[in-house]
Amino acid sequence: MPDKEWFKRVMEDSEDAYIFVSRDNIIEDVAGAVREVLKRSRQELVGARLCDRDVLREDFLERYRRAMEGEKEPGGDREGIYLDRRNRLRWKCYETNRGYIVARVSRFNADLEAEEVIVDQLADALPMMVAYVDRQWRFLFNNKAYEDFVGLSRKVLYRQPVSSVVDGESFQKLIPRFRRVLSGKRVDYEDQLTLVDGRRIYIRVSYIPDYIGDEVVGFYAVITDVSEYNALISLLKDIHAGVNRTDISSREMVNNLLRDSLDYLSQDVAIVSHVEGEQYTVIWSEAREEGVAPGTTFPLGDTYCRLALDEDDVFHTVNAGSDARFKGHPCYEKFGLETYIGAPVTVDGKVWGTVNFSSSRSRSRPFTEMEVELVRLVVSAVSRIVTHAEYLEKIQKERDEMTAQARKDQLTGLPNRAYLHEYVGALMSSPDVGNRGVCLAVIDIDHFKSINDNYGHDVGDQVIVWLSNTVSVVLRAREGDFAARIGGEEFVVMINNASLDVAGHVMERVRERVASLPVPVDGREPLHITISSGVTRWQLADTYPQVFKRADQALYEAKHGGRNRVCLKA
């Protein structure tokens, strides 16, 4: 029970609260203005431990007891004065003759309270985050910037462990740093952490130990969010690396670029469009969920990009619904896009299209100059990629045309001997060539030498061109058949998916058509020509020289059998 000293002190000043604490830190009794000062009732306090009721740090009380035993003086005061700035309370402890402690608790005076208010206001005015953490790794103070960042009030955060705002893996990274600062050493670091809400952040942090006397009772954390800066640096590195890669396609380059930029700008859809006249075509697109498929077209006037092209620079809004520039715009009426940022892409000094990022959500803050500049960089990168892709496409087209020319007979336009050899090479590698029924025919113009001798080579060339066209017309009736000119007046015909008899009928139709039609010749009367042909079927073990030899033998028989005929040879 309380002794006389306890009651005497209560009577001396009843505007303060008095707490009678046992050796094991149990509140034995209270008196005075308990409810006014401590904001708790007698029933709540009596019988509880100090820490359970959040009225005084037990570690301070223990240091006071040790001081009374001559070990150390807490804060240089044998009476044990402690200022609880969080709750604006002043504690003064006394030891009784039986080992109990009486704690006298009073409110700060006006000067101290004003000072505390000023300190809080200054902390709230700071752009960086400030928190105070005790030895149990719990928050005792957080400024406004910290509250805004984590989305919790200081009242909710008070006495909550730091582990309540970061995920488990991130908290494990913090533990050795907490231990170091609580040993009395300042800790500075920069790291990436993940909050419990899933946000990944980059922060630059200083931990500064807080002393009472020569003992660390907690630490101040001064925190700067450098997520945007680090994300931008990372994105710039990706842009530089991406546009200089040679192991991926232009499509992959742009899609990677759009995906990274979407994350940085916190938008939902990214599009690279190509603009021709008043038509807007989606070339590349990325989206968090449902996007716009490449190849989709819109009238240019129905897109926000029309406005960006008129601006000729980065054009943006964070709330199109209340932006006069977007009032009644078809894109807003149809898609409800509230946020947009985009700019024109130019190639060789001409507008090629646009890059744009958008979202149906309004943005809480305007786009920063850094974000605007980022879009300019992305546009520049896309322009470079498009320019390079168009150059490669042009080179490839020229190369394909050269390759095609190299495989084409210059006089007739038919495939030449080089193409025929490529075709035969692919045919030979096919495992079912024997089942498909591939036949080869050789055609020769009868008495062609006399045409050259009597009419000249220019007429001979006209005859060859006419024959190539005539053969091609007949072969169109069957898919996959084609003729090739292998030299002079000699042609090879490939007949696919046919027996030897069917191939013979095909060549008979060719022969009959040639024999029945006149050959128009410039400045002369039309000529009449005939052809001879030898046909054979490709056997499974055949090589091309073997097949050609058999067909040539059949042609020889046709020539010596009177010409203007088709001979078959199995």
Protein backbone atom coordinates (compact mmCIF):
# COMPACT_ATOMS: atom_id res chain seq x y z
CA MET A 1 0.00 0.00 0.00
CA PRO A 2 1.14 3.59 -0.52
CA ASP A 3 3.23 5.09 2.27
CA LYS A 4 2.96 8.54 3.88
CA GLU A 5 5.39 10.10 1.43
CA TRP A 6 3.09 9.15 -1.41
CA PHE A 7 0.05 10.85 0.11
CA LYS A 8 2.08 13.87 1.14
CA ARG A 9 3.26 14.49 -2.42
CA VAL A 10 -0.26 14.03 -3.76
CA MET A 11 -1.54 16.70 -1.44
CA GLU A 12 1.26 19.12 -2.38
CA ASP A 13 0.16 19.47 -5.99
CA SER A 14 -3.06 17.85 -7.12
CA GLU A 15 -2.73 19.26 -10.69
CA ASP A 16 -0.19 16.55 -11.43
CA ALA A 17 -0.66 12.79 -11.64
CA TYR A 18 1.22 10.40 -9.37
CA ILE A 19 2.00 6.77 -10.07
CA PHE A 20 3.19 4.31 -7.42
CA VAL A 21 5.32 1.59 -9.12
CA SER A 22 6.55 -1.68 -7.58
CA ARG A 23 9.95 -3.23 -8.14
CA ASP A 24 8.59 -5.42 -10.93
CA ASN A 25 7.10 -2.37 -12.68
CA ILE A 26 3.48 -2.99 -11.70
CA ILE A 27 1.35 0.12 -11.07
CA GLU A 28 0.26 -0.29 -7.43
CA ASP A 29 -1.72 2.92 -7.10
CA VAL A 30 -2.41 6.30 -8.71
CA ALA A 31 -3.55 9.65 -7.42
CA GLY A 32 -3.99 13.28 -8.41
CA ALA A 33 -5.10 14.50 -11.83
CA VAL A 34 -4.68 11.10 -13.44
CA ARG A 35 -7.42 11.37 -16.05
CA GLU A 36 -6.52 14.96 -16.99
CA VAL A 37 -2.80 14.27 -17.36
CA LEU A 38 -2.61 10.62 -18.49
CA LYS A 39 -5.98 10.45 -20.25
CA ARG A 40 -6.72 7.15 -18.49
CA SER A 41 -8.84 6.14 -15.52
CA ARG A 42 -7.59 4.72 -12.25
CA GLN A 43 -9.24 1.36 -13.13
CA GLU A 44 -7.24 1.15 -16.38
CA LEU A 45 -3.90 1.78 -14.68
CA VAL A 46 -3.86 0.01 -11.31
CA GLY A 47 -2.49 -3.52 -11.60
CA ALA A 48 -1.08 -3.02 -15.09
CA ARG A 49 2.55 -2.91 -16.23
CA LEU A 50 3.83 0.42 -17.38
CA CYS A 51 4.44 -0.70 -20.95
CA ASP A 52 0.98 -2.28 -21.21
CA ARG A 53 -0.63 1.10 -20.68
CA ASP A 54 1.91 3.08 -22.65
CA VAL A 55 2.62 5.57 -19.88
CA LEU A 56 6.38 5.32 -19.35
CA ARG A 57 9.30 3.44 -20.86
CA GLU A 58 10.37 0.66 -18.54
CA ASP A 59 13.96 0.96 -19.68
CA PHE A 60 14.08 4.52 -18.30
CA LEU A 61 12.73 3.31 -14.95
CA GLU A 62 15.32 0.55 -14.81
CA ARG A 63 18.13 3.01 -15.48
CA TYR A 64 16.78 5.24 -12.76
CA ARG A 65 16.87 2.35 -10.30
CA ARG A 66 20.45 1.54 -11.26
CA ALA A 67 21.33 5.18 -10.74
CA MET A 68 19.84 5.07 -7.27
CA GLU A 69 22.11 2.11 -6.59
CA GLY A 70 25.13 4.22 -7.65
CA GLU A 71 25.82 2.58 -11.03
CA LYS A 72 24.99 5.44 -13.36
CA GLU A 73 22.96 8.62 -13.40
CA PRO A 74 20.31 8.81 -16.14
CA GLY A 75 20.73 12.05 -18.02
CA GLY A 76 22.87 13.45 -15.16
CA ASP A 77 19.82 13.86 -12.84
CA ARG A 78 19.50 11.65 -9.70
CA GLU A 79 15.84 12.56 -9.53
CA GLY A 80 15.28 10.95 -12.96
CA ILE A 81 13.63 13.59 -15.13
CA TYR A 82 12.23 12.30 -18.44
CA LEU A 83 10.43 14.32 -21.14
CA ASP A 84 7.87 12.40 -23.19
CA ARG A 85 7.71 14.74 -26.16
CA ARG A 86 5.27 12.55 -28.00
CA ASN A 87 2.59 12.95 -25.33
CA ARG A 88 3.98 16.28 -23.99
CA LEU A 89 4.50 14.86 -20.50
CA ARG A 90 7.23 15.55 -17.94
CA TRP A 91 8.12 12.69 -15.60
CA LYS A 92 10.01 13.07 -12.38
CA CYS A 93 10.81 9.94 -10.39
CA TYR A 94 11.48 9.46 -6.67
CA GLU A 95 12.58 6.36 -4.84
CA THR A 96 10.80 5.42 -1.59
CA ASN A 97 12.46 3.81 1.36
CA ARG A 98 11.06 0.39 0.50
CA GLY A 99 12.30 0.25 -3.08
CA TYR A 100 9.11 1.56 -4.65
CA ILE A 101 9.18 4.44 -7.10
CA VAL A 102 6.82 7.38 -7.20
CA ALA A 103 6.49 9.03 -10.61
CA ARG A 104 5.11 12.55 -10.74
CA VAL A 105 3.67 13.38 -14.15
CA SER A 106 2.83 16.86 -15.37
CA ARG A 107 2.02 18.53 -18.63
CA PHE A 108 4.69 20.58 -20.42
CA ASN A 109 4.56 24.25 -19.59
CA ALA A 110 3.48 26.62 -22.35
CA ASP A 111 7.04 27.28 -23.56
CA LEU A 112 7.88 23.60 -23.91
CA GLU A 113 4.56 22.85 -25.56
CA ALA A 114 5.06 25.68 -28.03
CA GLU A 115 8.56 24.40 -28.76
CA GLU A 116 7.20 20.92 -29.43
CA VAL A 117 4.55 22.30 -31.78
CA ILE A 118 7.19 24.25 -33.68
CA VAL A 119 9.38 21.13 -34.00
CA ASP A 120 6.41 19.12 -35.32
CA GLN A 121 5.53 21.87 -37.79
CA LEU A 122 9.10 22.07 -39.02
CA ALA A 123 9.22 18.28 -39.46
CA ASP A 124 5.94 18.37 -41.38
CA ALA A 125 7.27 21.12 -43.64
CA LEU A 126 10.28 19.04 -44.68
CA PRO A 127 10.07 17.48 -48.17
CA MET A 128 11.87 14.34 -47.01
CA MET A 129 10.34 11.74 -44.70
CA VAL A 130 11.25 11.74 -41.01
CA ALA A 131 10.44 9.00 -38.51
CA TYR A 132 11.50 8.26 -34.96
CA VAL A 133 11.97 4.59 -34.02
CA ASP A 134 12.50 3.26 -30.49
CA ARG A 135 14.67 0.39 -29.31
CA GLN A 136 11.83 -2.06 -29.97
CA TRP A 137 11.82 -0.93 -33.63
CA ARG A 138 8.45 0.82 -33.23
CA PHE A 139 7.37 4.16 -34.64
CA LEU A 140 7.02 6.96 -32.08
CA PHE A 141 6.85 9.80 -34.57
CA ASN A 142 6.30 10.27 -38.31
CA ASN A 143 6.11 13.54 -40.19
CA LYS A 144 3.53 14.46 -42.81
CA ALA A 145 5.72 13.39 -45.74
CA TYR A 146 6.07 9.91 -44.24
CA GLU A 147 2.32 9.68 -43.59
CA ASP A 148 1.56 10.64 -47.20
CA PHE A 149 4.10 8.18 -48.54
CA VAL A 150 2.83 5.08 -46.70
CA GLY A 151 -0.80 6.23 -46.70
CA LEU A 152 -1.25 5.92 -42.91
CA SER A 153 -1.68 8.62 -40.27
CA ARG A 154 0.84 9.08 -37.46
CA LYS A 155 -1.89 8.06 -35.05
CA VAL A 156 -2.21 4.68 -36.79
CA LEU A 157 1.56 4.31 -37.08
CA TYR A 158 2.30 5.20 -33.46
CA ARG A 159 3.96 2.28 -31.65
CA GLN A 160 3.53 0.05 -34.69
CA PRO A 161 6.62 -1.98 -35.64
CA VAL A 162 8.53 -1.00 -38.76
CA SER A 163 7.75 -4.49 -40.05
CA SER A 164 4.14 -3.35 -40.46
CA VAL A 165 5.00 -1.12 -43.45
CA VAL A 166 7.58 -3.25 -45.35
CA ASP A 167 7.45 -6.85 -46.49
CA GLY A 168 9.37 -9.64 -44.78
CA GLU A 169 12.33 -9.73 -47.14
CA SER A 170 12.84 -5.97 -46.93
CA PHE A 171 12.56 -6.00 -43.12
CA GLN A 172 15.33 -8.60 -42.91
CA LYS A 173 17.57 -6.17 -44.79
CA LEU A 174 16.79 -3.46 -42.23
CA ILE A 175 17.54 -5.47 -39.08
CA PRO A 176 21.38 -5.24 -39.20
CA ARG A 177 21.08 -1.51 -39.90
CA PHE A 178 18.77 -1.03 -36.90
CA ARG A 179 21.21 -2.89 -34.68
CA ARG A 180 24.08 -0.77 -35.91
CA VAL A 181 22.37 2.58 -35.27
CA LEU A 182 21.12 1.45 -31.86
CA SER A 183 24.74 0.66 -30.99
CA GLY A 184 25.41 4.37 -31.42
CA LYS A 185 26.67 4.59 -35.00
CA ARG A 186 25.16 6.67 -37.76
CA VAL A 187 23.98 4.56 -40.72
CA ASP A 188 23.65 5.85 -44.30
CA TYR A 189 22.50 3.69 -47.19
CA GLU A 190 20.53 3.51 -50.41
CA ASP A 191 18.45 0.45 -51.21
CA GLN A 192 15.36 -0.93 -52.89
CA LEU A 193 12.58 -2.05 -50.54
CA THR A 194 9.08 -3.42 -51.03
CA LEU A 195 6.18 -2.04 -49.02
CA VAL A 196 3.40 -4.27 -47.69
CA ASP A 197 1.08 -2.87 -50.39
CA GLY A 198 3.42 -4.26 -53.06
CA ARG A 199 5.07 -1.00 -54.13
CA ARG A 200 8.78 -1.31 -54.87
CA ILE A 201 10.67 1.82 -53.85
CA TYR A 202 14.23 3.12 -53.96
CA ILE A 203 15.14 5.14 -50.88
CA ARG A 204 18.16 7.06 -49.62
CA VAL A 205 18.27 6.87 -45.81
CA SER A 206 20.21 8.25 -42.84
CA TYR A 207 19.72 6.74 -39.37
CA ILE A 208 20.83 9.08 -36.56
CA PRO A 209 21.04 7.68 -33.01
CA ASP A 210 19.12 9.48 -30.24
CA TYR A 211 20.75 9.64 -26.79
CA ILE A 212 19.48 10.19 -23.30
CA GLY A 213 22.67 10.73 -21.39
CA ASP A 214 25.12 8.34 -22.97
CA GLU A 215 22.54 5.67 -23.84
CA VAL A 216 20.84 5.26 -27.24
CA VAL A 217 17.08 5.22 -26.72
CA GLY A 218 16.07 5.21 -30.37
CA PHE A 219 16.97 6.79 -33.66
CA TYR A 220 15.75 9.29 -36.23
CA ALA A 221 15.28 8.06 -39.81
CA VAL A 222 15.61 10.69 -42.53
CA ILE A 223 14.33 9.17 -45.77
CA THR A 224 14.32 10.44 -49.36
CA ASP A 225 12.33 8.62 -52.01
CA VAL A 226 14.58 8.31 -55.05
CA SER A 227 12.33 5.79 -56.84
CA GLU A 228 11.58 8.17 -59.72
CA TYR A 229 15.23 9.07 -60.16
CA ASN A 230 16.43 5.45 -60.04
CA ALA A 231 13.59 4.27 -62.26
CA LEU A 232 14.47 6.98 -64.79
CA ILE A 233 18.15 6.03 -64.74
CA SER A 234 17.20 2.39 -65.20
CA LEU A 235 14.83 3.26 -68.02
CA LEU A 236 17.43 5.42 -69.76
CA LYS A 237 19.88 2.52 -69.59
CA ASP A 238 17.22 0.23 -71.07
CA ILE A 239 16.50 2.72 -73.85
CA HIS A 240 20.18 3.01 -74.71
CA ALA A 241 20.75 -0.74 -74.58
CA GLY A 242 17.48 -1.56 -76.35
CA VAL A 243 17.94 0.60 -79.44
CA ASN A 244 21.48 -0.70 -79.92
CA ARG A 245 20.67 -4.42 -79.69
CA THR A 246 21.19 -6.61 -82.73
CA ASP A 247 19.83 -9.86 -81.33
CA ILE A 248 16.14 -8.88 -81.26
CA SER A 249 13.67 -7.53 -83.80
CA SER A 250 12.44 -3.95 -84.06
CA ARG A 251 9.10 -5.12 -82.70
CA GLU A 252 10.74 -6.55 -79.56
CA MET A 253 12.82 -3.39 -79.11
CA VAL A 254 9.78 -1.12 -79.23
CA ASN A 255 7.59 -3.38 -77.10
CA ASN A 256 10.28 -3.54 -74.40
CA LEU A 257 10.58 0.24 -74.53
CA LEU A 258 6.82 0.76 -74.26
CA ARG A 259 6.50 -1.74 -71.40
CA ASP A 260 9.22 -0.05 -69.33
CA SER A 261 7.81 3.41 -70.03
CA LEU A 262 4.31 2.30 -69.01
CA ASP A 263 5.64 1.33 -65.58
CA TYR A 264 7.54 4.59 -65.16
CA LEU A 265 4.62 6.80 -66.24
CA SER A 266 2.02 4.66 -64.39
CA GLN A 267 -0.21 4.48 -67.46
CA ASP A 268 -2.31 1.60 -68.82
CA VAL A 269 -1.87 1.63 -72.61
CA ALA A 270 1.11 2.51 -74.81
CA ILE A 271 0.84 2.82 -78.60
CA VAL A 272 3.14 3.59 -81.50
CA SER A 273 1.01 4.60 -84.46
CA HIS A 274 1.68 5.25 -88.13
CA VAL A 275 -0.20 8.16 -89.66
CA GLU A 276 -0.95 8.35 -93.38
CA GLY A 277 -3.18 11.21 -94.39
CA GLU A 278 -6.15 11.05 -92.04
CA GLN A 279 -5.72 7.37 -91.15
CA TYR A 280 -4.23 6.30 -87.82
CA THR A 281 -2.86 2.72 -87.69
CA VAL A 282 -1.62 0.98 -84.55
CA ILE A 283 1.82 -0.49 -85.30
CA TRP A 284 2.99 -1.53 -81.83
CA SER A 285 1.09 -1.59 -78.56
CA GLU A 286 1.50 -2.65 -74.94
CA ALA A 287 -1.13 -2.69 -72.18
CA ARG A 288 -1.46 -3.66 -68.54
CA GLU A 289 -4.69 -5.48 -69.29
CA GLU A 290 -6.72 -5.17 -72.49
CA GLY A 291 -5.04 -3.13 -75.20
CA VAL A 292 -5.44 -2.24 -78.88
CA ALA A 293 -4.28 -4.86 -81.35
CA PRO A 294 -1.59 -3.91 -83.90
CA GLY A 295 -3.16 -3.26 -87.27
CA THR A 296 -6.23 -1.54 -85.80
CA THR A 297 -7.09 1.66 -87.65
CA PHE A 298 -8.97 4.81 -86.63
CA PRO A 299 -9.76 8.11 -88.31
CA LEU A 300 -6.95 10.39 -87.14
CA GLY A 301 -9.46 13.00 -85.99
CA ASP A 302 -10.98 10.48 -83.54
CA THR A 303 -7.69 10.18 -81.62
CA TYR A 304 -5.94 12.46 -79.15
CA CYS A 305 -2.90 12.14 -81.41
CA ARG A 306 -4.53 14.63 -83.77
CA LEU A 307 -4.07 17.19 -80.98
CA ALA A 308 -0.47 16.04 -80.40
CA LEU A 309 0.35 16.49 -84.11
CA ASP A 310 -1.10 19.99 -84.01
CA GLU A 311 1.05 20.76 -80.95
CA ASP A 312 4.19 19.37 -82.64
CA ASP A 313 5.64 18.51 -79.23
CA VAL A 314 4.77 16.49 -76.14
CA PHE A 315 1.07 17.02 -75.53
CA HIS A 316 -0.52 15.90 -72.26
CA THR A 317 -3.42 16.08 -69.85
CA VAL A 318 -4.18 14.41 -66.53
CA ASN A 319 -7.93 15.07 -66.49
CA ALA A 320 -9.35 15.25 -69.99
CA GLY A 321 -12.92 15.44 -68.68
CA SER A 322 -12.30 18.90 -67.25
CA ASP A 323 -9.75 20.03 -69.86
CA ALA A 324 -11.23 22.51 -72.36
CA ARG A 325 -8.92 21.23 -75.10
CA PHE A 326 -10.64 17.83 -74.96
CA LYS A 327 -14.25 18.97 -74.63
CA GLY A 328 -16.49 16.89 -76.90
CA HIS A 329 -13.53 14.97 -78.37
CA PRO A 330 -14.59 11.68 -80.03
CA CYS A 331 -11.82 9.76 -78.27
CA TYR A 332 -13.07 10.89 -74.87
CA GLU A 333 -16.67 10.14 -75.77
CA LYS A 334 -15.79 6.60 -76.95
CA PHE A 335 -12.97 5.48 -74.64
CA GLY A 336 -13.16 7.87 -71.68
CA LEU A 337 -9.39 8.36 -71.56
CA GLU A 338 -8.67 10.82 -68.76
CA THR A 339 -4.86 10.81 -68.89
CA TYR A 340 -2.81 11.16 -72.07
CA ILE A 341 0.74 12.05 -72.98
CA GLY A 342 2.07 11.75 -76.52
CA ALA A 343 4.21 13.31 -79.24
CA PRO A 344 4.84 13.05 -83.00
CA VAL A 345 7.44 10.70 -84.47
CA THR A 346 9.34 12.07 -87.44
CA VAL A 347 11.39 10.10 -89.95
CA ASP A 348 13.57 11.89 -92.49
CA GLY A 349 12.05 15.21 -91.44
CA LYS A 350 8.46 14.11 -92.07
CA VAL A 351 5.76 13.10 -89.60
CA TRP A 352 5.65 9.29 -89.54
CA GLY A 353 3.27 8.74 -86.61
CA THR A 354 3.02 9.15 -82.84
CA VAL A 355 4.01 7.63 -79.51
CA ASN A 356 1.41 7.93 -76.78
CA PHE A 357 0.57 6.66 -73.28
CA SER A 358 -2.92 6.83 -71.82
CA SER A 359 -5.22 5.70 -69.04
CA SER A 360 -8.91 5.87 -68.20
CA ARG A 361 -7.88 6.98 -64.71
CA SER A 362 -7.22 10.61 -63.86
CA ARG A 363 -3.74 11.30 -62.57
CA SER A 364 -3.36 12.84 -59.11
CA ARG A 365 -0.47 15.08 -60.17
CA PRO A 366 0.60 16.73 -63.44
CA PHE A 367 3.32 15.17 -65.56
CA THR A 368 6.71 16.41 -64.40
CA GLU A 369 9.28 17.96 -66.71
CA MET A 370 11.34 14.81 -66.21
CA GLU A 371 8.43 12.67 -67.46
CA VAL A 372 7.86 14.97 -70.42
CA GLU A 373 11.54 14.76 -71.30
CA LEU A 374 11.35 10.98 -71.00
CA VAL A 375 8.57 10.89 -73.60
CA ARG A 376 10.77 12.96 -75.91
CA LEU A 377 13.56 10.39 -75.43
CA VAL A 378 11.18 7.51 -76.15
CA VAL A 379 9.98 9.28 -79.30
CA SER A 380 13.58 9.78 -80.39
CA ALA A 381 14.34 6.10 -79.76
CA VAL A 382 11.26 4.98 -81.70
CA SER A 383 12.18 7.31 -84.56
CA ARG A 384 15.64 5.78 -84.66
CA ILE A 385 14.26 2.24 -84.58
CA VAL A 386 11.73 3.00 -87.34
CA THR A 387 14.38 4.69 -89.47
CA HIS A 388 16.71 1.72 -89.04
CA ALA A 389 13.90 -0.77 -89.73
CA GLU A 390 12.87 1.08 -92.91
CA TYR A 391 16.51 1.14 -94.04
CA LEU A 392 16.83 -2.59 -93.43
CA GLU A 393 13.51 -3.20 -95.20
CA LYS A 394 14.75 -1.20 -98.18
CA ILE A 395 18.03 -3.12 -98.25
CA GLN A 396 16.18 -6.43 -97.90
CA LYS A 397 13.79 -5.49 -100.68
CA GLU A 398 16.68 -4.59 -102.96
CA ARG A 399 18.43 -7.81 -102.00
CA ASP A 400 15.27 -9.82 -102.68
CA GLU A 401 14.85 -8.12 -106.02
CA MET A 402 18.46 -8.89 -106.90
CA THR A 403 18.00 -12.48 -105.78
CA ALA A 404 14.81 -12.74 -107.80
CA GLN A 405 16.54 -11.27 -110.84
CA ALA A 406 19.40 -13.73 -110.42
CA ARG A 407 16.85 -16.58 -110.48
CA LYS A 408 14.87 -15.23 -113.44
CA ASP A 409 15.50 -15.56 -117.15
CA GLN A 410 16.04 -12.03 -118.42
CA LEU A 411 14.41 -12.62 -121.81
CA THR A 412 11.24 -14.48 -120.86
CA GLY A 413 10.83 -13.73 -117.14
CA LEU A 414 10.54 -17.47 -116.46
CA PRO A 415 12.59 -19.16 -113.73
CA ASN A 416 16.10 -19.87 -114.97
CA ARG A 417 18.48 -22.79 -114.56
CA ALA A 418 19.65 -21.48 -111.10
CA TYR A 419 16.08 -21.43 -109.76
CA LEU A 420 15.41 -24.88 -111.23
CA HIS A 421 18.42 -26.29 -109.40
CA GLU A 422 17.20 -24.74 -106.11
CA TYR A 423 13.76 -26.24 -106.66
CA VAL A 424 15.20 -29.65 -107.43
CA GLY A 425 17.42 -29.46 -104.34
CA ALA A 426 14.36 -28.84 -102.14
CA LEU A 427 12.50 -31.60 -103.99
CA MET A 428 15.26 -34.10 -103.37
CA SER A 429 15.16 -33.41 -99.62
CA SER A 430 11.44 -34.18 -99.47
CA PRO A 431 10.76 -37.70 -98.09
CA ASP A 432 7.55 -38.17 -100.10
CA VAL A 433 8.85 -37.17 -103.51
CA GLY A 434 8.08 -40.67 -104.79
CA ASN A 435 4.49 -40.54 -103.55
CA ARG A 436 3.73 -37.07 -104.91
CA GLY A 437 4.22 -38.07 -108.55
CA VAL A 438 6.66 -35.48 -109.90
CA CYS A 439 7.27 -35.50 -113.63
CA LEU A 440 9.77 -33.59 -115.73
CA ALA A 441 9.34 -32.60 -119.39
CA VAL A 442 11.89 -31.12 -121.79
CA ILE A 443 10.63 -28.90 -124.66
CA ASP A 444 12.53 -27.95 -127.81
CA ILE A 445 11.34 -25.73 -130.72
CA ASP A 446 11.39 -27.66 -133.97
CA HIS A 447 13.75 -26.25 -136.63
CA PHE A 448 14.58 -23.25 -134.47
CA LYS A 449 17.97 -22.79 -136.15
CA SER A 450 16.30 -22.07 -139.48
CA ILE A 451 14.18 -19.34 -137.83
CA ASN A 452 17.35 -17.59 -136.63
CA ASP A 453 19.05 -18.11 -139.97
CA ASN A 454 16.11 -16.89 -142.08
CA TYR A 455 14.65 -14.14 -139.90
CA GLY A 456 17.43 -13.12 -137.51
CA HIS A 457 17.98 -13.55 -133.82
CA ASP A 458 15.59 -10.75 -132.86
CA VAL A 459 12.73 -12.73 -134.40
CA GLY A 460 14.08 -15.83 -132.73
CA ASP A 461 13.88 -14.03 -129.38
CA GLN A 462 10.27 -13.00 -130.08
CA VAL A 463 9.42 -16.64 -130.79
CA ILE A 464 11.02 -17.75 -127.52
CA VAL A 465 9.09 -15.11 -125.52
CA TRP A 466 5.81 -16.10 -127.22
CA LEU A 467 6.41 -19.78 -126.46
CA SER A 468 7.17 -19.06 -122.77
CA ASN A 469 3.89 -17.13 -122.44
CA THR A 470 1.91 -19.85 -124.23
CA VAL A 471 3.31 -22.65 -122.07
CA SER A 472 2.62 -20.61 -118.92
CA VAL A 473 -1.04 -20.08 -119.94
CA VAL A 474 -1.59 -23.85 -120.29
CA LEU A 475 0.17 -24.65 -117.00
CA ARG A 476 -2.01 -22.19 -115.04
CA ALA A 477 -4.77 -24.78 -115.12
CA ARG A 478 -2.75 -26.92 -112.70
CA GLU A 479 -1.50 -25.57 -109.37
CA GLY A 480 2.22 -26.02 -108.76
CA ASP A 481 3.30 -26.70 -112.35
CA PHE A 482 5.82 -24.32 -113.88
CA ALA A 483 8.22 -23.93 -116.79
CA ALA A 484 11.86 -22.81 -116.72
CA ARG A 485 14.09 -21.71 -119.57
CA ILE A 486 17.46 -23.46 -119.26
CA GLY A 487 19.08 -22.05 -122.40
CA GLY A 488 18.49 -21.20 -126.08
CA GLU A 489 15.13 -22.59 -127.21
CA GLU A 490 15.14 -25.32 -124.55
CA PHE A 491 12.61 -25.37 -121.67
CA VAL A 492 12.00 -27.67 -118.70
CA VAL A 493 8.50 -28.16 -117.32
CA MET A 494 7.91 -29.48 -113.78
CA ILE A 495 4.55 -31.26 -113.45
CA ASN A 496 3.57 -32.03 -109.86
CA ASN A 497 1.12 -34.56 -108.40
CA ALA A 498 0.75 -36.42 -111.64
CA SER A 499 1.35 -39.86 -113.11
CA LEU A 500 3.39 -40.23 -116.28
CA ASP A 501 0.19 -40.50 -118.36
CA VAL A 502 -1.28 -37.34 -116.80
CA ALA A 503 1.99 -35.49 -117.43
CA GLY A 504 1.85 -36.69 -121.05
CA HIS A 505 -1.67 -35.27 -121.44
CA VAL A 506 -0.51 -31.91 -120.00
CA MET A 507 2.32 -31.69 -122.53
CA GLU A 508 -0.06 -32.71 -125.34
CA ARG A 509 -2.22 -29.71 -124.52
CA VAL A 510 0.86 -27.51 -124.64
CA ARG A 511 1.92 -28.97 -128.02
CA GLU A 512 -1.55 -28.61 -129.52
CA ARG A 513 -1.89 -24.99 -128.42
CA VAL A 514 1.53 -24.05 -129.85
CA ALA A 515 0.78 -25.75 -133.16
CA SER A 516 -2.65 -24.13 -133.51
CA LEU A 517 -1.70 -20.49 -132.86
CA PRO A 518 0.31 -18.09 -135.04
CA VAL A 519 3.35 -16.35 -133.58
CA PRO A 520 3.10 -12.58 -134.08
CA VAL A 521 6.36 -11.04 -135.28
CA ASP A 522 7.16 -7.34 -135.50
CA GLY A 523 6.95 -6.04 -139.08
CA ARG A 524 6.42 -9.50 -140.60
CA GLU A 525 3.77 -12.04 -141.33
CA PRO A 526 3.00 -14.28 -138.33
CA LEU A 527 4.99 -17.49 -138.10
CA HIS A 528 3.86 -20.98 -137.24
CA ILE A 529 6.03 -23.22 -135.08
CA THR A 530 5.85 -26.65 -133.53
CA ILE A 531 7.55 -28.18 -130.50
CA SER A 532 8.75 -31.62 -129.47
CA SER A 533 8.76 -32.85 -125.89
CA GLY A 534 10.11 -35.73 -123.83
CA VAL A 535 8.50 -36.62 -120.47
CA THR A 536 9.58 -38.87 -117.61
CA ARG A 537 8.50 -39.53 -114.02
CA TRP A 538 10.78 -38.98 -111.05
CA GLN A 539 11.69 -42.22 -109.33
CA LEU A 540 12.52 -42.38 -105.62
CA ALA A 541 16.23 -43.14 -106.10
CA ASP A 542 16.69 -40.74 -109.02
CA THR A 543 19.08 -37.84 -109.12
CA TYR A 544 18.33 -34.79 -111.24
CA PRO A 545 20.91 -35.69 -113.93
CA GLN A 546 19.31 -39.15 -114.24
CA VAL A 547 15.79 -37.72 -114.60
CA PHE A 548 16.90 -35.07 -117.08
CA LYS A 549 18.79 -37.65 -119.13
CA ARG A 550 15.67 -39.85 -119.46
CA ALA A 551 13.54 -36.88 -120.47
CA ASP A 552 16.18 -35.80 -122.98
CA GLN A 553 16.23 -39.31 -124.44
CA ALA A 554 12.45 -39.13 -124.81
CA LEU A 555 12.85 -35.76 -126.56
CA TYR A 556 15.39 -37.31 -128.93
CA GLU A 557 12.87 -40.00 -129.81
CA ALA A 558 10.24 -37.33 -130.46
CA LYS A 559 12.61 -35.45 -132.78
CA HIS A 560 13.57 -38.54 -134.71
CA GLY A 561 9.98 -39.74 -134.79
CA GLY A 562 8.93 -36.81 -136.95
CA ARG A 563 8.84 -33.86 -134.51
CA ASN A 564 5.70 -32.04 -133.27
CA ARG A 565 5.01 -34.80 -130.83
CA VAL A 566 5.36 -35.87 -127.15
CA CYS A 567 7.21 -39.01 -126.14
CA LEU A 568 7.05 -40.65 -122.68
CA LYS A 569 9.85 -42.61 -121.02
CA ALA A 570 9.35 -44.42 -117.68
